[in-house]
Protein backbone atom coordinates (compact mmCIF):
# COMPACT_ATOMS: atom_id res chain seq x y z
CA MET A 1 -1.77 39.64 -21.06
CA THR A 2 -0.07 42.64 -19.54
CA ASP A 3 -0.80 41.51 -15.90
CA VAL A 4 0.54 37.99 -16.72
CA LEU A 5 3.92 39.44 -18.08
CA THR A 6 4.35 41.78 -15.38
CA TYR A 7 3.88 39.06 -12.80
CA LEU A 8 6.42 36.86 -14.70
CA GLY A 9 8.98 39.61 -14.94
CA ARG A 10 8.69 40.61 -11.47
CA ASN A 11 9.24 37.19 -10.27
CA THR A 12 11.90 36.58 -12.61
CA LEU A 13 13.78 39.51 -11.30
CA GLY A 14 13.13 38.63 -7.70
CA PHE A 15 14.61 35.24 -8.34
CA LEU A 16 17.72 36.49 -10.18
CA ARG A 17 18.14 38.95 -7.18
CA TYR A 18 17.73 36.12 -4.83
CA VAL A 19 20.30 34.07 -6.69
CA SER A 20 22.87 37.02 -6.95
CA GLY A 21 22.37 37.78 -3.14
CA LEU A 22 23.14 34.15 -2.26
CA TYR A 23 26.16 34.09 -4.61
CA ASP A 24 27.50 37.11 -3.02
CA LEU A 25 27.00 35.76 0.49
CA SER A 26 28.64 32.53 -0.43
CA ALA A 27 31.55 34.07 -1.97
CA LYS A 28 32.22 36.36 1.02
CA ALA A 29 31.87 33.31 3.54
CA ALA A 30 34.13 30.97 1.37
CA TYR A 31 36.74 33.77 1.48
CA TRP A 32 36.74 34.38 5.11
CA THR A 33 36.82 30.48 5.60
CA PHE A 34 39.21 29.37 3.34
CA VAL A 35 41.43 32.24 1.99
CA ALA A 36 41.46 34.87 4.78
CA PRO A 37 43.05 32.55 7.44
CA PHE A 38 46.17 32.28 5.24
CA LYS A 39 46.42 36.02 5.23
CA GLY A 40 46.61 36.32 9.22
CA ARG A 41 42.75 36.98 9.67
CA ASN A 42 41.81 34.03 12.15
CA LEU A 43 38.89 32.22 12.30
CA LYS A 44 36.50 32.84 15.36
CA TRP A 45 36.75 29.40 16.89
CA GLY A 46 35.01 30.13 19.96
CA ASN A 47 31.92 31.21 18.12
CA THR A 48 32.13 28.40 15.83
CA VAL A 49 32.35 25.82 18.81
CA HIS A 50 29.29 27.35 20.29
CA GLN A 51 27.32 27.10 17.12
CA MET A 52 28.39 23.35 16.75
CA VAL A 53 26.62 22.89 20.01
CA LEU A 54 23.61 24.75 19.10
CA ALA A 55 23.21 23.33 15.59
CA GLY A 56 24.75 19.89 16.20
CA VAL A 57 25.03 18.50 19.77
CA ASP A 58 21.65 19.86 20.73
CA SER A 59 19.93 18.21 17.70
CA ILE A 60 21.28 14.73 18.32
CA PRO A 61 18.10 13.55 20.57
CA ILE A 62 15.58 14.72 17.82
CA VAL A 63 17.59 13.45 15.08
CA SER A 64 18.25 10.11 16.54
CA ALA A 65 14.49 9.69 17.72
CA ILE A 66 13.06 10.48 14.14
CA SER A 67 15.62 8.40 12.20
CA PHE A 68 14.81 5.42 14.59
CA PHE A 69 11.13 5.66 13.76
CA ILE A 70 11.86 5.99 10.18
CA GLY A 71 13.80 2.68 10.32
CA ILE A 72 11.21 1.06 12.00
CA VAL A 73 8.87 2.32 9.35
CA LEU A 74 10.95 1.23 6.54
CA GLY A 75 11.24 -2.22 7.99
CA LEU A 76 7.65 -2.59 8.22
CA GLN A 77 6.81 -1.47 4.51
CA GLY A 78 9.75 -3.69 3.23
CA ALA A 79 8.70 -6.63 5.23
CA TYR A 80 5.02 -6.22 4.04
CA GLN A 81 6.29 -6.43 0.42
CA LEU A 82 9.24 -8.80 0.76
CA ALA A 83 6.93 -11.36 2.63
CA LYS A 84 5.14 -11.91 -0.49
CA PHE A 85 8.18 -13.66 -1.83
CA GLY A 86 9.67 -14.97 1.00
CA ALA A 87 12.50 -12.71 1.06
CA THR A 88 12.29 -11.01 4.31
CA TYR A 89 15.86 -11.59 4.90
CA PHE A 90 16.59 -8.49 2.47
CA VAL A 91 14.61 -6.10 4.79
CA THR A 92 17.94 -5.57 6.36
CA ALA A 93 19.55 -4.50 3.23
CA LEU A 94 16.43 -2.33 2.21
CA VAL A 95 16.65 -0.50 5.58
CA SER A 96 20.50 -0.06 5.73
CA VAL A 97 21.08 0.93 2.09
CA SER A 98 17.78 3.40 2.02
CA VAL A 99 19.05 4.98 5.29
CA THR A 100 22.54 5.66 4.49
CA ARG A 101 22.26 6.80 0.94
CA GLU A 102 19.05 8.85 1.18
CA LEU A 103 16.71 9.04 4.08
CA GLY A 104 19.54 9.65 6.85
CA PRO A 105 21.15 12.89 4.98
CA LEU A 106 17.69 13.94 3.72
CA MET A 107 15.69 13.68 7.00
CA THR A 108 18.65 15.18 9.02
CA ALA A 109 18.82 18.02 6.66
CA ILE A 110 15.01 18.62 6.75
CA ILE A 111 15.21 18.61 10.73
CA ILE A 112 18.08 20.92 10.85
CA ALA A 113 16.73 23.45 8.33
CA GLY A 114 13.39 23.55 10.57
CA ARG A 115 15.63 23.87 13.92
CA SER A 116 18.70 25.79 12.95
CA GLY A 117 18.03 27.49 9.47
CA SER A 118 15.16 28.98 11.10
CA ALA A 119 17.21 30.12 13.98
CA PHE A 120 19.78 31.46 11.80
CA ALA A 121 17.41 33.70 10.05
CA ALA A 122 15.61 34.77 13.27
CA GLU A 123 18.97 35.76 14.92
CA LEU A 124 20.14 37.78 12.00
CA GLY A 125 16.85 39.12 11.32
CA THR A 126 16.55 40.64 14.86
CA MET A 127 19.89 41.90 14.64
CA LYS A 128 19.35 43.57 11.48
CA VAL A 129 15.96 44.99 12.79
CA SER A 130 17.78 46.20 15.88
CA GLU A 131 20.46 47.62 13.76
CA GLU A 132 23.26 45.59 15.46
CA ILE A 133 24.58 44.58 12.28
CA ASP A 134 24.77 48.18 10.98
CA ALA A 135 26.71 48.86 14.31
CA LEU A 136 29.22 46.05 13.60
CA GLU A 137 30.01 47.48 10.06
CA ALA A 138 30.27 50.96 11.52
CA MET A 139 33.01 49.73 13.76
CA GLY A 140 34.73 48.31 10.82
CA LEU A 141 33.78 44.55 11.61
CA ASP A 142 32.67 42.42 8.70
CA SER A 143 29.32 40.90 9.44
CA VAL A 144 29.76 37.99 7.38
CA ARG A 145 33.19 37.03 9.19
CA TYR A 146 31.75 37.48 12.65
CA LEU A 147 28.06 36.35 12.23
CA VAL A 148 28.05 33.80 9.16
CA VAL A 149 31.50 31.94 8.99
CA PRO A 150 31.00 30.35 12.25
CA LYS A 151 27.70 29.00 11.34
CA TYR A 152 29.25 27.81 8.03
CA LEU A 153 32.06 25.73 9.72
CA ALA A 154 29.83 24.47 12.29
CA MET A 155 27.47 23.13 9.72
CA LEU A 156 30.08 21.54 7.57
CA VAL A 157 31.68 19.62 10.56
CA MET A 158 28.35 18.69 12.21
CA MET A 159 26.12 17.72 9.53
CA PRO A 160 28.19 14.79 8.57
CA CYS A 161 28.29 13.67 12.20
CA LEU A 162 24.57 14.11 12.56
CA THR A 163 24.07 12.04 9.32
CA LEU A 164 26.17 9.14 10.70
CA ILE A 165 24.03 9.21 14.16
CA SER A 166 20.90 9.28 11.84
CA ASP A 167 22.15 6.42 9.81
CA LEU A 168 22.89 4.32 12.91
CA SER A 169 19.72 5.26 14.60
CA GLY A 170 17.74 4.11 11.56
CA ILE A 171 19.44 1.01 11.10
CA LEU A 172 18.90 0.16 14.79
CA GLY A 173 15.15 1.02 14.20
CA GLY A 174 15.05 -1.50 11.51
CA ALA A 175 16.89 -4.02 13.63
CA ALA A 176 14.44 -3.49 16.52
CA PHE A 177 11.57 -4.35 14.13
CA GLU A 178 13.20 -7.34 12.68
CA MET A 179 14.29 -8.49 16.15
CA VAL A 180 10.54 -8.39 17.40
CA GLN A 181 8.61 -9.30 14.09
CA LEU A 182 10.80 -11.41 12.11
CA ASP A 183 12.50 -13.32 15.03
CA LYS A 184 15.86 -12.23 13.91
CA THR A 185 18.78 -12.12 16.32
CA PHE A 186 20.87 -8.93 16.76
CA ALA A 187 23.88 -10.70 15.45
CA MET A 188 21.87 -11.69 12.12
CA VAL A 189 21.03 -8.13 11.65
CA LEU A 190 24.56 -7.09 12.04
CA VAL A 191 25.72 -9.80 9.56
CA ALA A 192 23.18 -8.77 6.86
CA THR A 193 24.04 -4.94 7.45
CA ARG A 194 27.69 -5.70 6.75
CA ASP A 195 26.82 -7.81 3.71
CA ALA A 196 24.58 -5.17 2.35
CA LEU A 197 26.38 -1.89 3.06
CA VAL A 198 29.67 -0.85 1.08
CA MET A 199 31.61 2.31 1.74
CA HIS A 200 30.14 4.10 -1.40
CA ASP A 201 26.78 3.92 0.37
CA ILE A 202 28.07 5.75 3.59
CA THR A 203 30.01 8.25 1.70
CA THR A 204 27.44 9.19 -0.82
CA GLY A 205 25.19 10.14 2.19
CA LEU A 206 28.12 12.30 3.72
CA ILE A 207 28.72 14.11 0.83
CA LYS A 208 25.15 15.15 0.39
CA SER A 209 24.83 16.04 3.97
CA MET A 210 27.77 18.55 3.71
CA VAL A 211 26.02 20.05 0.73
CA PHE A 212 22.73 20.15 2.48
CA GLY A 213 24.55 21.85 5.43
CA LEU A 214 25.80 24.84 3.19
CA ILE A 215 22.41 25.21 1.57
CA ILE A 216 20.79 25.52 5.04
CA THR A 217 23.35 28.11 6.26
CA LYS A 218 23.38 30.07 3.18
CA ILE A 219 19.60 30.42 3.04
CA GLY A 220 19.19 31.12 6.49
CA CYS A 221 21.61 33.56 6.86
CA TYR A 222 20.77 35.40 3.45
CA GLU A 223 17.11 35.49 4.70
CA GLY A 224 18.19 37.14 8.12
CA PHE A 225 20.29 39.74 6.26
CA SER A 226 17.38 40.64 4.06
CA VAL A 227 14.81 41.33 6.74
CA GLN A 228 12.82 44.45 5.95
CA GLY A 229 10.31 45.93 8.72
CA GLY A 230 10.02 44.80 12.34
CA ALA A 231 8.84 41.43 14.08
CA GLU A 232 6.69 40.68 11.00
CA GLY A 233 9.85 40.81 8.68
CA VAL A 234 11.61 38.42 10.95
CA GLY A 235 8.62 35.96 11.00
CA LYS A 236 8.46 36.19 7.04
CA ALA A 237 12.32 35.65 6.81
CA THR A 238 12.02 32.67 9.09
CA THR A 239 9.43 30.98 7.23
CA SER A 240 10.99 31.56 4.02
CA SER A 241 14.26 30.22 5.11
CA VAL A 242 12.70 26.89 6.25
CA VAL A 243 10.65 26.54 2.98
CA ASN A 244 13.52 27.49 0.49
CA SER A 245 15.76 25.45 2.20
CA ILE A 246 13.84 22.33 2.06
CA PHE A 247 13.06 22.90 -1.55
CA LEU A 248 16.71 23.26 -2.49
CA ILE A 249 17.56 20.22 -0.17
CA ILE A 250 15.34 17.99 -2.19
CA PHE A 251 16.30 19.61 -5.57
CA ALA A 252 20.01 18.82 -4.53
CA ASP A 253 19.27 15.55 -3.53
CA VAL A 254 17.69 14.64 -6.80
CA ILE A 255 20.82 16.01 -8.76
CA PHE A 256 23.52 14.14 -6.54
CA THR A 257 21.29 10.84 -6.49
CA ALA A 258 21.26 11.09 -10.32
CA ILE A 259 25.13 11.61 -10.25
CA PHE A 260 26.03 8.89 -7.92
CA TYR A 261 23.41 6.33 -9.60
CA PHE A 262 24.91 6.91 -13.32
CA THR A 263 28.57 6.90 -11.66
CA GLY A 264 28.10 3.92 -10.04
């Protein structure tokens, strides 16, 4: 019993320290992003644009390809079930709504968590191990302002953009399946998509994507700042950033989906 209580207590304290650290990092990043510019402390736009390219532009091919294949899979599964009721016309609605509301932002976030979130943790972890972060602080430079805020801004801007690209690719994937297998024309698919989608479906996914982007940035940067030891510590932080980010992304998705469901 003592061992069980010790285990529970140790993990509970570790969880509380983790949440507290995330809160402190989030508060500092929010201050340097939204408050400090009004006090004459300019944002580092050059670094922000560089992060936009790394996290956003360079991710377009993989996000587009995976979303396209997901659209095909949704079309296949939807047609398999709806064909039993002679309702294959609604495959387009199934694909478009599922992609824009759920799978577009969710898959984009998972891809970016594995690609960019891990990169954030590895970059900051390496800087922590090599004492570059300590050198910044010794020169009177705030590490959060110089290292976190550009990533923070880049993800806020690029995640909705990547989600829109993911939505379009997923819908095109479903359209490709329907044109090949269900003998529909591209014009028919466009009309069915227009009839199925409303702006609320798209904005729901975009709101989720911004929250997912913040989660990825916070977890990745916090894990990087928390690195202890050498290369092994960097590896553990990189792994933890991906695992924790994906868990929190799915948890947040459940909450937001429930909210949007009950609020119409």
